Amino acid sequence: MLSAVAICRNLLKPCVLFWFPDEVKQLAEGVRDKLRDLIGVEKFVEVYNSVRKSLKEKRESRKQSAKVIAAVDPARHAKRKLRTAAKHREHKRRKIMAMKLGRWMR
């Protein structure tokens, strides 16, 4: 049971999220189907839903704590947003430089 939970936790993200490559999604879905056949449909549904619920609760608690921090300590929240914006700008700059370098190499 415990190993099924660990396997389902690792399979859930590639099966659900959109940014994984199609090959990874197909492989994860194949493993998920094999696991379902191995442990039985009822047990699999129970384990899979519990994993989905726990991940959703974690995500919601992180969102809620971010909202609380924004309300309680606006300076800290603003500082965090500035750090995030700086990371975004740096990533965008690197991306543009890579595109320019690629164009120059042709």
Foldseek 3Di string as FASTA:
>chain_A
DVVLLVLLLVLVCLCPDDPDDPVSNVVSVVVLVVVCVVPHVVVSVVSNVVSVVVVVVVVVVVVVVLVVCCVPPVVVNVVVVVVVVVVVVVVVVVVVVVVVVVVVVD
